[in-house]
Amino acid sequence: MLYKRRIQKALAREVEQRLSSGKPIKLVVGAGPGTEIVGPPDSIHEEWLLTDHATLDALEPADWANIFDGATLSRVFAEHVVEHWTTDGLRVFLRIVKGYLSRNGNLRIAVPDGFHPDPAYIEQVKPGGTGPGAYDHKVLYNYQTLTKIFVDENWDYELLEYFDEQQGFHSRSWDRADGFVERAALTDPRNEQKPLTYTSLILDARPRNPVP
């Protein structure tokens, strides 16, 4: 608890400094444990604020309030995080984030793709699957089930990468500055020998009625 409070105070100071200097505030949710709270130079998350469950419980409103004040976040990014929550947990997350995104802010989410056609992929990523961390997966989303939650919670979205129910693959270019997805068709090294070996269901989203 003392560690969490110390890190949250350091993050809050960083946020205050960025607000006073006019620098954008970009947040990675579920960056993994580490000593850095800001992405180092030349890293994939350079200048992003880095958090994990030990420093920011993304489903706990009090944790957000300890660090952020109002609609100040320009970008929020979560890669292979929300599948560790229930669908109700994702809804809670969207309701919290809505209050902290700036008017032109963007949320990018990447999750394992439940419509991926390779049974070996599904075996790895399904709840209780064989892949790293899959023992804790709660949901295997496809583009239909994921986007329904965003629609229900009054968010607009844009699908960036996904398989459809006919096993057709869809992708569109995305700006790495809005969140670099490591497990994607064009970025995952597993795809160098065999394309689409490992892809993600990726979307960008914005609240339909952003906080003023």
N, C-alpha and C. Protein backbone atom coordinates (compact mmCIF):
# COMPACT_ATOMS: atom_id res chain seq x y z
N MET A 1 0.82 -1.21 0.00
CA MET A 1 0.00 0.00 0.00
C MET A 1 0.86 1.26 0.00
N LEU A 2 1.95 1.25 0.79
CA LEU A 2 2.84 2.41 0.81
C LEU A 2 3.48 2.63 -0.55
N TYR A 3 3.86 1.53 -1.20
CA TYR A 3 4.45 1.63 -2.54
C TYR A 3 3.45 2.25 -3.51
N LYS A 4 2.21 1.78 -3.44
CA LYS A 4 1.18 2.30 -4.33
C LYS A 4 0.97 3.79 -4.10
N ARG A 5 0.89 4.22 -2.87
CA ARG A 5 0.70 5.63 -2.58
C ARG A 5 1.87 6.46 -3.08
N ARG A 6 3.09 5.94 -2.92
CA ARG A 6 4.27 6.68 -3.37
C ARG A 6 4.26 6.85 -4.89
N ILE A 7 3.94 5.78 -5.60
CA ILE A 7 3.92 5.85 -7.06
C ILE A 7 2.80 6.76 -7.54
N GLN A 8 1.65 6.67 -6.89
CA GLN A 8 0.53 7.52 -7.30
C GLN A 8 0.85 9.00 -7.08
N LYS A 9 1.55 9.31 -6.00
CA LYS A 9 1.95 10.70 -5.77
C LYS A 9 2.94 11.17 -6.84
N ALA A 10 3.86 10.28 -7.22
CA ALA A 10 4.82 10.63 -8.26
C ALA A 10 4.10 10.83 -9.60
N LEU A 11 3.14 9.98 -9.90
CA LEU A 11 2.37 10.15 -11.13
C LEU A 11 1.57 11.44 -11.11
N ALA A 12 0.97 11.75 -9.95
CA ALA A 12 0.19 12.99 -9.84
C ALA A 12 1.08 14.21 -10.04
N ARG A 13 2.31 14.17 -9.54
CA ARG A 13 3.25 15.29 -9.75
C ARG A 13 3.60 15.41 -11.23
N GLU A 14 3.78 14.27 -11.89
CA GLU A 14 4.10 14.29 -13.32
C GLU A 14 2.93 14.87 -14.12
N VAL A 15 1.72 14.51 -13.75
CA VAL A 15 0.53 15.03 -14.42
C VAL A 15 0.45 16.54 -14.23
N GLU A 16 0.69 16.99 -13.01
CA GLU A 16 0.61 18.43 -12.73
C GLU A 16 1.65 19.20 -13.54
N GLN A 17 2.85 18.65 -13.65
CA GLN A 17 3.90 19.32 -14.43
C GLN A 17 3.53 19.39 -15.91
N ARG A 18 2.94 18.33 -16.42
CA ARG A 18 2.56 18.31 -17.83
C ARG A 18 1.42 19.29 -18.10
N LEU A 19 0.49 19.36 -17.17
CA LEU A 19 -0.60 20.31 -17.35
C LEU A 19 -0.09 21.74 -17.36
N SER A 20 0.86 22.04 -16.49
CA SER A 20 1.37 23.41 -16.41
C SER A 20 2.21 23.78 -17.63
N SER A 21 2.83 22.77 -18.26
CA SER A 21 3.67 23.03 -19.43
C SER A 21 2.95 22.80 -20.75
N GLY A 22 1.72 22.30 -20.69
CA GLY A 22 0.95 22.07 -21.90
C GLY A 22 1.29 20.80 -22.64
N LYS A 23 2.04 19.89 -22.00
CA LYS A 23 2.40 18.62 -22.64
C LYS A 23 1.21 17.66 -22.57
N PRO A 24 1.00 16.87 -23.61
CA PRO A 24 -0.11 15.90 -23.58
C PRO A 24 0.14 14.80 -22.55
N ILE A 25 -0.95 14.30 -22.02
CA ILE A 25 -0.87 13.24 -21.02
C ILE A 25 -1.40 11.96 -21.65
N LYS A 26 -0.49 11.00 -21.84
CA LYS A 26 -0.85 9.71 -22.42
C LYS A 26 -0.61 8.63 -21.37
N LEU A 27 -1.55 7.71 -21.26
CA LEU A 27 -1.52 6.72 -20.19
C LEU A 27 -1.57 5.30 -20.75
N VAL A 28 -0.64 4.45 -20.28
CA VAL A 28 -0.70 3.02 -20.56
C VAL A 28 -1.27 2.32 -19.33
N VAL A 29 -2.36 1.61 -19.52
CA VAL A 29 -2.96 0.79 -18.46
C VAL A 29 -2.45 -0.63 -18.64
N GLY A 30 -1.91 -1.21 -17.57
CA GLY A 30 -1.42 -2.58 -17.66
C GLY A 30 -0.09 -2.69 -18.37
N ALA A 31 0.82 -1.73 -18.10
CA ALA A 31 2.13 -1.75 -18.75
C ALA A 31 3.03 -2.85 -18.21
N GLY A 32 2.65 -3.42 -17.07
CA GLY A 32 3.49 -4.44 -16.45
C GLY A 32 4.34 -3.83 -15.36
N PRO A 33 4.82 -4.65 -14.43
CA PRO A 33 5.61 -4.13 -13.31
C PRO A 33 6.95 -3.59 -13.79
N GLY A 34 7.42 -2.58 -13.10
CA GLY A 34 8.71 -1.97 -13.44
C GLY A 34 8.95 -0.76 -12.58
N THR A 35 10.13 -0.20 -12.72
CA THR A 35 10.50 0.93 -11.88
C THR A 35 10.18 2.26 -12.54
N GLU A 36 9.93 2.27 -13.85
CA GLU A 36 9.67 3.51 -14.56
C GLU A 36 8.20 3.89 -14.46
N ILE A 37 7.93 5.16 -14.30
CA ILE A 37 6.55 5.65 -14.39
C ILE A 37 6.33 6.42 -15.68
N VAL A 38 7.43 6.71 -16.39
CA VAL A 38 7.35 7.38 -17.68
C VAL A 38 8.18 6.57 -18.67
N GLY A 39 7.60 6.31 -19.85
CA GLY A 39 8.31 5.55 -20.86
C GLY A 39 9.62 6.21 -21.24
N PRO A 40 10.74 5.48 -21.22
CA PRO A 40 12.05 6.08 -21.50
C PRO A 40 12.22 6.43 -22.97
N PRO A 41 13.20 7.27 -23.29
CA PRO A 41 13.45 7.66 -24.68
C PRO A 41 13.69 6.44 -25.57
N ASP A 42 13.18 6.52 -26.79
CA ASP A 42 13.36 5.48 -27.81
C ASP A 42 12.65 4.17 -27.49
N SER A 43 11.80 4.17 -26.48
CA SER A 43 11.00 2.98 -26.20
C SER A 43 9.66 3.10 -26.94
N ILE A 44 8.92 2.01 -27.01
CA ILE A 44 7.64 2.05 -27.74
C ILE A 44 6.62 2.93 -27.02
N HIS A 45 6.83 3.17 -25.74
CA HIS A 45 5.92 4.04 -24.98
C HIS A 45 6.64 5.30 -24.49
N GLU A 46 7.50 5.83 -25.32
CA GLU A 46 8.25 7.02 -24.92
C GLU A 46 7.32 8.15 -24.49
N GLU A 47 7.57 8.67 -23.27
CA GLU A 47 6.83 9.79 -22.70
C GLU A 47 5.40 9.43 -22.24
N TRP A 48 5.00 8.18 -22.38
CA TRP A 48 3.69 7.77 -21.84
C TRP A 48 3.83 7.52 -20.34
N LEU A 49 2.78 7.78 -19.58
CA LEU A 49 2.74 7.37 -18.18
C LEU A 49 2.46 5.88 -18.12
N LEU A 50 3.26 5.15 -17.34
CA LEU A 50 3.17 3.70 -17.29
C LEU A 50 2.58 3.25 -15.96
N THR A 51 1.53 2.44 -16.02
CA THR A 51 0.90 1.93 -14.80
C THR A 51 0.63 0.44 -14.95
N ASP A 52 0.53 -0.23 -13.82
CA ASP A 52 0.02 -1.59 -13.79
C ASP A 52 -0.92 -1.70 -12.60
N HIS A 53 -1.40 -2.90 -12.33
CA HIS A 53 -2.41 -3.05 -11.28
C HIS A 53 -1.90 -2.60 -9.92
N ALA A 54 -0.60 -2.74 -9.70
CA ALA A 54 -0.02 -2.37 -8.41
C ALA A 54 0.01 -0.87 -8.20
N THR A 55 -0.07 -0.09 -9.28
CA THR A 55 0.01 1.36 -9.14
C THR A 55 -1.28 2.07 -9.52
N LEU A 56 -2.10 1.42 -10.36
CA LEU A 56 -3.40 1.96 -10.73
C LEU A 56 -4.36 0.81 -10.99
N ASP A 57 -5.26 0.58 -10.06
CA ASP A 57 -6.33 -0.39 -10.30
C ASP A 57 -7.33 0.28 -11.23
N ALA A 58 -7.35 -0.14 -12.48
CA ALA A 58 -8.13 0.57 -13.50
C ALA A 58 -9.63 0.48 -13.27
N LEU A 59 -10.07 -0.39 -12.37
CA LEU A 59 -11.49 -0.53 -12.07
C LEU A 59 -11.87 0.13 -10.75
N GLU A 60 -10.93 0.87 -10.18
CA GLU A 60 -11.15 1.52 -8.89
C GLU A 60 -11.16 3.04 -9.07
N PRO A 61 -12.33 3.68 -8.99
CA PRO A 61 -12.40 5.13 -9.21
C PRO A 61 -11.46 5.94 -8.33
N ALA A 62 -11.25 5.50 -7.09
CA ALA A 62 -10.40 6.26 -6.17
C ALA A 62 -8.96 6.32 -6.66
N ASP A 63 -8.49 5.27 -7.29
CA ASP A 63 -7.12 5.28 -7.80
C ASP A 63 -6.96 6.33 -8.90
N TRP A 64 -7.92 6.42 -9.79
CA TRP A 64 -7.88 7.44 -10.84
C TRP A 64 -7.91 8.83 -10.22
N ALA A 65 -8.76 9.02 -9.25
CA ALA A 65 -8.90 10.34 -8.63
C ALA A 65 -7.63 10.75 -7.87
N ASN A 66 -6.85 9.77 -7.41
CA ASN A 66 -5.60 10.08 -6.72
C ASN A 66 -4.54 10.64 -7.66
N ILE A 67 -4.69 10.39 -8.96
CA ILE A 67 -3.65 10.77 -9.92
C ILE A 67 -4.11 11.88 -10.86
N PHE A 68 -5.34 11.77 -11.34
CA PHE A 68 -5.82 12.67 -12.40
C PHE A 68 -6.92 13.58 -11.88
N ASP A 69 -7.03 14.72 -12.52
CA ASP A 69 -8.03 15.70 -12.13
C ASP A 69 -8.77 16.18 -13.37
N GLY A 70 -9.97 15.68 -13.57
CA GLY A 70 -10.78 16.13 -14.70
C GLY A 70 -10.37 15.50 -16.01
N ALA A 71 -10.92 16.01 -17.09
CA ALA A 71 -10.74 15.45 -18.43
C ALA A 71 -9.41 15.92 -19.01
N THR A 72 -8.33 15.28 -18.59
CA THR A 72 -6.99 15.74 -18.95
C THR A 72 -6.19 14.76 -19.78
N LEU A 73 -6.68 13.54 -19.98
CA LEU A 73 -5.91 12.52 -20.70
C LEU A 73 -6.17 12.63 -22.20
N SER A 74 -5.10 12.74 -22.97
CA SER A 74 -5.26 12.80 -24.42
C SER A 74 -5.33 11.41 -25.04
N ARG A 75 -4.66 10.43 -24.42
CA ARG A 75 -4.66 9.07 -24.93
C ARG A 75 -4.64 8.08 -23.76
N VAL A 76 -5.40 7.00 -23.91
CA VAL A 76 -5.35 5.88 -22.97
C VAL A 76 -5.18 4.62 -23.81
N PHE A 77 -4.28 3.74 -23.39
CA PHE A 77 -3.93 2.56 -24.17
C PHE A 77 -3.88 1.33 -23.27
N ALA A 78 -4.53 0.25 -23.71
CA ALA A 78 -4.51 -1.01 -22.96
C ALA A 78 -4.39 -2.16 -23.95
N GLU A 79 -3.23 -2.80 -23.95
CA GLU A 79 -2.99 -3.95 -24.85
C GLU A 79 -3.05 -5.25 -24.06
N HIS A 80 -3.99 -6.11 -24.43
CA HIS A 80 -4.18 -7.41 -23.79
C HIS A 80 -4.29 -7.26 -22.27
N VAL A 81 -5.22 -6.41 -21.89
CA VAL A 81 -5.51 -6.13 -20.48
C VAL A 81 -6.97 -6.46 -20.16
N VAL A 82 -7.90 -5.95 -20.96
CA VAL A 82 -9.30 -6.01 -20.56
C VAL A 82 -9.87 -7.42 -20.61
N GLU A 83 -9.19 -8.35 -21.29
CA GLU A 83 -9.67 -9.74 -21.26
C GLU A 83 -9.44 -10.39 -19.89
N HIS A 84 -8.68 -9.72 -19.04
CA HIS A 84 -8.48 -10.20 -17.68
C HIS A 84 -9.60 -9.74 -16.74
N TRP A 85 -10.54 -8.96 -17.26
CA TRP A 85 -11.70 -8.50 -16.50
C TRP A 85 -12.95 -9.18 -17.04
N THR A 86 -13.98 -9.19 -16.24
CA THR A 86 -15.29 -9.62 -16.74
C THR A 86 -15.84 -8.54 -17.67
N THR A 87 -16.91 -8.86 -18.36
CA THR A 87 -17.54 -7.83 -19.21
C THR A 87 -18.05 -6.68 -18.35
N ASP A 88 -18.52 -6.96 -17.15
CA ASP A 88 -18.95 -5.89 -16.25
C ASP A 88 -17.76 -5.02 -15.87
N GLY A 89 -16.59 -5.64 -15.70
CA GLY A 89 -15.39 -4.87 -15.41
C GLY A 89 -15.04 -3.92 -16.53
N LEU A 90 -15.16 -4.37 -17.76
CA LEU A 90 -14.89 -3.49 -18.90
C LEU A 90 -15.86 -2.32 -18.91
N ARG A 91 -17.11 -2.58 -18.59
CA ARG A 91 -18.08 -1.49 -18.54
C ARG A 91 -17.71 -0.47 -17.47
N VAL A 92 -17.27 -0.94 -16.32
CA VAL A 92 -16.82 -0.04 -15.25
C VAL A 92 -15.66 0.80 -15.74
N PHE A 93 -14.71 0.17 -16.40
CA PHE A 93 -13.54 0.87 -16.93
C PHE A 93 -13.95 1.98 -17.90
N LEU A 94 -14.86 1.67 -18.81
CA LEU A 94 -15.29 2.67 -19.79
C LEU A 94 -15.98 3.85 -19.12
N ARG A 95 -16.74 3.57 -18.09
CA ARG A 95 -17.43 4.66 -17.39
C ARG A 95 -16.44 5.54 -16.64
N ILE A 96 -15.39 4.94 -16.09
CA ILE A 96 -14.37 5.73 -15.40
C ILE A 96 -13.57 6.56 -16.40
N VAL A 97 -13.07 5.91 -17.45
CA VAL A 97 -12.21 6.59 -18.42
C VAL A 97 -12.93 7.76 -19.08
N LYS A 98 -14.23 7.60 -19.29
CA LYS A 98 -15.01 8.66 -19.93
C LYS A 98 -14.85 9.99 -19.19
N GLY A 99 -14.69 9.94 -17.90
CA GLY A 99 -14.56 11.16 -17.12
C GLY A 99 -13.18 11.79 -17.15
N TYR A 100 -12.18 11.06 -17.70
CA TYR A 100 -10.81 11.56 -17.68
C TYR A 100 -10.24 11.84 -19.07
N LEU A 101 -10.90 11.39 -20.11
CA LEU A 101 -10.43 11.70 -21.46
C LEU A 101 -10.77 13.14 -21.83
N SER A 102 -9.83 13.80 -22.47
CA SER A 102 -10.08 15.15 -22.96
C SER A 102 -11.06 15.10 -24.13
N ARG A 103 -11.55 16.25 -24.54
CA ARG A 103 -12.60 16.29 -25.57
C ARG A 103 -12.17 15.58 -26.85
N ASN A 104 -10.93 15.68 -27.23
CA ASN A 104 -10.43 15.01 -28.43
C ASN A 104 -9.60 13.78 -28.09
N GLY A 105 -9.83 13.24 -26.90
CA GLY A 105 -9.05 12.10 -26.45
C GLY A 105 -9.43 10.80 -27.15
N ASN A 106 -8.54 9.81 -27.02
CA ASN A 106 -8.75 8.53 -27.69
C ASN A 106 -8.37 7.39 -26.77
N LEU A 107 -9.18 6.35 -26.78
CA LEU A 107 -8.89 5.11 -26.06
C LEU A 107 -8.60 4.03 -27.10
N ARG A 108 -7.45 3.39 -26.99
CA ARG A 108 -7.12 2.26 -27.86
C ARG A 108 -7.03 0.99 -27.03
N ILE A 109 -7.73 -0.05 -27.48
CA ILE A 109 -7.74 -1.34 -26.80
C ILE A 109 -7.36 -2.43 -27.79
N ALA A 110 -6.53 -3.35 -27.35
CA ALA A 110 -6.20 -4.55 -28.13
C ALA A 110 -6.42 -5.76 -27.24
N VAL A 111 -7.09 -6.77 -27.78
CA VAL A 111 -7.38 -8.00 -27.04
C VAL A 111 -7.16 -9.19 -27.98
N PRO A 112 -7.04 -10.40 -27.43
CA PRO A 112 -7.04 -11.59 -28.29
C PRO A 112 -8.34 -11.66 -29.10
N ASP A 113 -8.23 -12.19 -30.30
CA ASP A 113 -9.36 -12.19 -31.23
C ASP A 113 -10.04 -13.56 -31.26
N GLY A 114 -11.29 -13.60 -30.78
CA GLY A 114 -12.03 -14.85 -30.71
C GLY A 114 -12.44 -15.41 -32.05
N PHE A 115 -12.34 -14.63 -33.12
CA PHE A 115 -12.64 -15.12 -34.46
C PHE A 115 -11.38 -15.50 -35.24
N HIS A 116 -10.23 -15.51 -34.58
CA HIS A 116 -9.02 -15.95 -35.28
C HIS A 116 -9.23 -17.39 -35.74
N PRO A 117 -8.88 -17.71 -37.00
CA PRO A 117 -9.22 -19.02 -37.56
C PRO A 117 -8.33 -20.17 -37.11
N ASP A 118 -7.21 -19.89 -36.47
CA ASP A 118 -6.27 -20.95 -36.09
C ASP A 118 -6.66 -21.53 -34.73
N PRO A 119 -7.03 -22.82 -34.67
CA PRO A 119 -7.39 -23.43 -33.38
C PRO A 119 -6.26 -23.35 -32.35
N ALA A 120 -5.01 -23.38 -32.81
CA ALA A 120 -3.89 -23.29 -31.88
C ALA A 120 -3.84 -21.92 -31.20
N TYR A 121 -4.16 -20.88 -31.97
CA TYR A 121 -4.24 -19.53 -31.39
C TYR A 121 -5.34 -19.48 -30.33
N ILE A 122 -6.52 -19.98 -30.67
CA ILE A 122 -7.64 -19.95 -29.73
C ILE A 122 -7.29 -20.73 -28.47
N GLU A 123 -6.60 -21.85 -28.61
CA GLU A 123 -6.22 -22.65 -27.45
C GLU A 123 -5.29 -21.87 -26.53
N GLN A 124 -4.46 -21.04 -27.12
CA GLN A 124 -3.55 -20.23 -26.31
C GLN A 124 -4.26 -19.13 -25.54
N VAL A 125 -5.23 -18.46 -26.19
CA VAL A 125 -5.75 -17.21 -25.63
C VAL A 125 -7.10 -17.34 -24.93
N LYS A 126 -7.77 -18.46 -25.06
CA LYS A 126 -9.08 -18.60 -24.42
C LYS A 126 -8.93 -18.59 -22.90
N PRO A 127 -9.98 -18.28 -22.16
CA PRO A 127 -9.91 -18.35 -20.69
C PRO A 127 -9.44 -19.74 -20.26
N GLY A 128 -8.39 -19.76 -19.44
CA GLY A 128 -7.81 -21.02 -19.03
C GLY A 128 -6.96 -21.67 -20.10
N GLY A 129 -6.57 -20.91 -21.13
CA GLY A 129 -5.79 -21.44 -22.24
C GLY A 129 -4.35 -21.70 -21.88
N THR A 130 -3.58 -22.11 -22.88
CA THR A 130 -2.20 -22.54 -22.66
C THR A 130 -1.19 -21.40 -22.77
N GLY A 131 -1.60 -20.25 -23.27
CA GLY A 131 -0.67 -19.15 -23.48
C GLY A 131 -0.33 -18.42 -22.19
N PRO A 132 0.74 -17.60 -22.22
CA PRO A 132 1.13 -16.82 -21.05
C PRO A 132 -0.01 -15.94 -20.54
N GLY A 133 -0.34 -16.08 -19.26
CA GLY A 133 -1.38 -15.25 -18.65
C GLY A 133 -2.80 -15.68 -18.93
N ALA A 134 -3.01 -16.67 -19.82
CA ALA A 134 -4.37 -17.03 -20.19
C ALA A 134 -5.14 -17.71 -19.06
N TYR A 135 -4.41 -18.21 -18.05
CA TYR A 135 -5.10 -18.79 -16.91
C TYR A 135 -6.02 -17.77 -16.23
N ASP A 136 -5.69 -16.48 -16.41
CA ASP A 136 -6.46 -15.41 -15.77
C ASP A 136 -7.42 -14.72 -16.74
N HIS A 137 -7.47 -15.16 -17.98
CA HIS A 137 -8.40 -14.54 -18.93
C HIS A 137 -9.84 -14.86 -18.53
N LYS A 138 -10.68 -13.82 -18.58
CA LYS A 138 -12.09 -14.00 -18.22
C LYS A 138 -13.00 -14.08 -19.44
N VAL A 139 -12.59 -13.44 -20.54
CA VAL A 139 -13.45 -13.33 -21.72
C VAL A 139 -12.58 -13.46 -22.98
N LEU A 140 -13.09 -14.15 -23.99
CA LEU A 140 -12.48 -14.14 -25.31
C LEU A 140 -13.43 -13.39 -26.24
N TYR A 141 -13.08 -12.15 -26.54
CA TYR A 141 -13.95 -11.29 -27.34
C TYR A 141 -13.78 -11.56 -28.83
N ASN A 142 -14.83 -11.30 -29.58
CA ASN A 142 -14.71 -11.09 -31.02
C ASN A 142 -15.22 -9.68 -31.31
N TYR A 143 -15.11 -9.26 -32.55
CA TYR A 143 -15.44 -7.85 -32.84
C TYR A 143 -16.90 -7.53 -32.52
N GLN A 144 -17.79 -8.52 -32.62
CA GLN A 144 -19.20 -8.28 -32.34
C GLN A 144 -19.45 -8.09 -30.85
N THR A 145 -18.90 -8.99 -30.04
CA THR A 145 -19.16 -8.91 -28.59
C THR A 145 -18.46 -7.72 -27.95
N LEU A 146 -17.27 -7.37 -28.48
CA LEU A 146 -16.55 -6.22 -27.90
C LEU A 146 -17.23 -4.91 -28.27
N THR A 147 -17.56 -4.75 -29.54
CA THR A 147 -18.14 -3.47 -29.95
C THR A 147 -19.53 -3.26 -29.36
N LYS A 148 -20.25 -4.34 -29.07
CA LYS A 148 -21.57 -4.19 -28.45
C LYS A 148 -21.46 -3.48 -27.10
N ILE A 149 -20.42 -3.81 -26.35
CA ILE A 149 -20.23 -3.17 -25.06
C ILE A 149 -19.96 -1.68 -25.24
N PHE A 150 -19.16 -1.32 -26.23
CA PHE A 150 -18.88 0.09 -26.47
C PHE A 150 -20.14 0.83 -26.89
N VAL A 151 -20.94 0.21 -27.73
CA VAL A 151 -22.20 0.84 -28.15
C VAL A 151 -23.12 1.02 -26.94
N ASP A 152 -23.23 -0.03 -26.13
CA ASP A 152 -24.09 0.04 -24.95
C ASP A 152 -23.67 1.16 -24.00
N GLU A 153 -22.34 1.39 -23.93
CA GLU A 153 -21.82 2.40 -23.01
C GLU A 153 -21.69 3.77 -23.66
N ASN A 154 -22.26 3.91 -24.87
CA ASN A 154 -22.33 5.21 -25.54
C ASN A 154 -20.96 5.72 -25.99
N TRP A 155 -20.19 4.82 -26.60
CA TRP A 155 -18.91 5.18 -27.20
C TRP A 155 -19.00 4.96 -28.71
N ASP A 156 -18.32 5.82 -29.45
CA ASP A 156 -18.08 5.58 -30.87
C ASP A 156 -16.77 4.81 -31.01
N TYR A 157 -16.66 3.99 -32.04
CA TYR A 157 -15.45 3.18 -32.18
C TYR A 157 -15.07 3.04 -33.64
N GLU A 158 -13.82 2.66 -33.84
CA GLU A 158 -13.29 2.36 -35.17
C GLU A 158 -12.45 1.10 -35.05
N LEU A 159 -12.84 0.05 -35.75
CA LEU A 159 -12.09 -1.19 -35.73
C LEU A 159 -10.83 -1.04 -36.57
N LEU A 160 -9.69 -1.45 -36.02
CA LEU A 160 -8.42 -1.31 -36.71
C LEU A 160 -7.86 -2.64 -37.20
N GLU A 161 -8.16 -3.72 -36.48
CA GLU A 161 -7.67 -5.05 -36.88
C GLU A 161 -8.57 -6.10 -36.25
N TYR A 162 -9.05 -7.05 -37.09
CA TYR A 162 -9.92 -8.09 -36.58
C TYR A 162 -10.22 -9.14 -37.65
N PHE A 163 -10.60 -10.32 -37.21
CA PHE A 163 -11.18 -11.34 -38.07
C PHE A 163 -12.69 -11.28 -37.94
N ASP A 164 -13.39 -11.55 -39.05
CA ASP A 164 -14.84 -11.62 -38.98
C ASP A 164 -15.30 -13.07 -38.84
N GLU A 165 -16.61 -13.28 -38.79
CA GLU A 165 -17.15 -14.61 -38.54
C GLU A 165 -16.95 -15.56 -39.71
N GLN A 166 -16.59 -15.03 -40.89
CA GLN A 166 -16.27 -15.86 -42.05
C GLN A 166 -14.75 -16.08 -42.18
N GLN A 167 -14.01 -15.73 -41.14
CA GLN A 167 -12.56 -15.89 -41.07
C GLN A 167 -11.84 -14.93 -42.03
N GLY A 168 -12.52 -13.88 -42.43
CA GLY A 168 -11.87 -12.85 -43.23
C GLY A 168 -11.14 -11.87 -42.33
N PHE A 169 -9.92 -11.49 -42.74
CA PHE A 169 -9.11 -10.58 -41.93
C PHE A 169 -9.28 -9.15 -42.44
N HIS A 170 -9.47 -8.23 -41.51
CA HIS A 170 -9.64 -6.81 -41.83
C HIS A 170 -8.60 -6.00 -41.07
N SER A 171 -8.00 -5.04 -41.73
CA SER A 171 -7.07 -4.15 -41.03
C SER A 171 -7.04 -2.81 -41.74
N ARG A 172 -6.73 -1.80 -40.99
CA ARG A 172 -6.53 -0.47 -41.53
C ARG A 172 -5.34 0.14 -40.81
N SER A 173 -4.70 1.10 -41.43
CA SER A 173 -3.51 1.70 -40.84
C SER A 173 -3.87 2.41 -39.54
N TRP A 174 -2.96 2.37 -38.60
CA TRP A 174 -3.18 3.05 -37.32
C TRP A 174 -1.91 3.79 -36.92
N ASP A 175 -2.12 4.89 -36.23
CA ASP A 175 -1.03 5.76 -35.82
C ASP A 175 -0.40 5.20 -34.54
N ARG A 176 0.87 4.89 -34.63
CA ARG A 176 1.56 4.33 -33.46
C ARG A 176 1.60 5.32 -32.31
N ALA A 177 1.48 6.60 -32.61
CA ALA A 177 1.50 7.61 -31.54
C ALA A 177 0.28 7.51 -30.64
N ASP A 178 -0.77 6.82 -31.09
CA ASP A 178 -1.97 6.65 -30.27
C ASP A 178 -1.92 5.38 -29.43
N GLY A 179 -0.79 4.67 -29.47
CA GLY A 179 -0.62 3.44 -28.71
C GLY A 179 -0.06 2.35 -29.60
N PHE A 180 1.17 1.92 -29.32
CA PHE A 180 1.83 0.93 -30.16
C PHE A 180 1.44 -0.47 -29.72
N VAL A 181 0.77 -1.20 -30.60
CA VAL A 181 0.32 -2.56 -30.30
C VAL A 181 1.41 -3.53 -30.75
N GLU A 182 2.00 -4.22 -29.80
CA GLU A 182 3.07 -5.16 -30.13
C GLU A 182 2.53 -6.44 -30.77
N ARG A 183 1.33 -6.85 -30.34
CA ARG A 183 0.76 -8.11 -30.84
C ARG A 183 -0.25 -7.82 -31.93
N ALA A 184 0.27 -7.37 -33.07
CA ALA A 184 -0.57 -7.01 -34.21
C ALA A 184 0.01 -7.61 -35.48
N ALA A 185 -0.77 -7.58 -36.55
CA ALA A 185 -0.38 -8.25 -37.79
C ALA A 185 0.96 -7.77 -38.32
N LEU A 186 1.22 -6.47 -38.26
CA LEU A 186 2.43 -5.92 -38.84
C LEU A 186 3.55 -5.69 -37.84
N THR A 187 3.33 -6.00 -36.58
CA THR A 187 4.35 -5.71 -35.57
C THR A 187 4.82 -6.93 -34.80
N ASP A 188 4.03 -7.99 -34.75
CA ASP A 188 4.41 -9.18 -33.99
C ASP A 188 5.41 -10.01 -34.79
N PRO A 189 6.60 -10.31 -34.22
CA PRO A 189 7.61 -11.06 -34.98
C PRO A 189 7.17 -12.47 -35.35
N ARG A 190 6.16 -13.00 -34.68
CA ARG A 190 5.68 -14.33 -35.04
C ARG A 190 5.06 -14.36 -36.43
N ASN A 191 4.76 -13.20 -36.97
CA ASN A 191 4.14 -13.13 -38.29
C ASN A 191 5.15 -13.00 -39.43
N GLU A 192 6.44 -12.94 -39.09
CA GLU A 192 7.45 -12.74 -40.14
C GLU A 192 7.55 -13.95 -41.06
N GLN A 193 7.49 -15.15 -40.50
CA GLN A 193 7.57 -16.35 -41.30
C GLN A 193 6.21 -16.79 -41.83
N LYS A 194 5.19 -16.61 -41.00
CA LYS A 194 3.84 -17.00 -41.39
C LYS A 194 2.89 -15.87 -41.04
N PRO A 195 2.49 -15.06 -42.03
CA PRO A 195 1.61 -13.91 -41.74
C PRO A 195 0.34 -14.32 -41.01
N LEU A 196 -0.10 -13.44 -40.10
CA LEU A 196 -1.34 -13.58 -39.33
C LEU A 196 -1.30 -14.74 -38.34
N THR A 197 -0.09 -15.21 -38.02
CA THR A 197 0.02 -16.21 -36.96
C THR A 197 -0.54 -15.67 -35.66
N TYR A 198 -0.17 -14.43 -35.34
CA TYR A 198 -0.68 -13.80 -34.12
C TYR A 198 -1.15 -12.39 -34.44
N THR A 199 -2.42 -12.16 -34.26
CA THR A 199 -3.02 -10.85 -34.46
C THR A 199 -3.84 -10.49 -33.23
N SER A 200 -4.38 -9.31 -33.23
CA SER A 200 -5.25 -8.87 -32.13
C SER A 200 -6.51 -8.25 -32.69
N LEU A 201 -7.50 -8.20 -31.87
CA LEU A 201 -8.70 -7.40 -32.12
C LEU A 201 -8.41 -6.02 -31.55
N ILE A 202 -8.32 -5.03 -32.42
CA ILE A 202 -7.88 -3.69 -32.01
C ILE A 202 -8.93 -2.67 -32.40
N LEU A 203 -9.22 -1.76 -31.49
CA LEU A 203 -10.12 -0.66 -31.84
C LEU A 203 -9.71 0.62 -31.14
N ASP A 204 -10.06 1.74 -31.76
CA ASP A 204 -9.98 3.06 -31.16
C ASP A 204 -11.40 3.49 -30.79
N ALA A 205 -11.54 4.21 -29.71
CA ALA A 205 -12.88 4.61 -29.27
C ALA A 205 -12.85 5.97 -28.60
N ARG A 206 -13.98 6.66 -28.72
CA ARG A 206 -14.16 7.98 -28.14
C ARG A 206 -15.57 8.07 -27.56
N PRO A 207 -15.73 8.68 -26.40
CA PRO A 207 -17.07 8.84 -25.84
C PRO A 207 -17.96 9.64 -26.76
N ARG A 208 -19.21 9.21 -26.91
CA ARG A 208 -20.13 9.91 -27.79
C ARG A 208 -20.47 11.30 -27.23
N ASN A 209 -20.47 11.40 -25.92
CA ASN A 209 -20.73 12.68 -25.26
C ASN A 209 -19.59 12.98 -24.30
N PRO A 210 -18.47 13.49 -24.82
CA PRO A 210 -17.31 13.70 -23.96
C PRO A 210 -17.58 14.73 -22.87
N VAL A 211 -16.80 14.62 -21.81
CA VAL A 211 -16.91 15.57 -20.71
C VAL A 211 -16.43 16.93 -21.20
N PRO A 212 -17.14 18.02 -20.96
CA PRO A 212 -16.71 19.35 -21.43
C PRO A 212 -15.34 19.73 -20.88
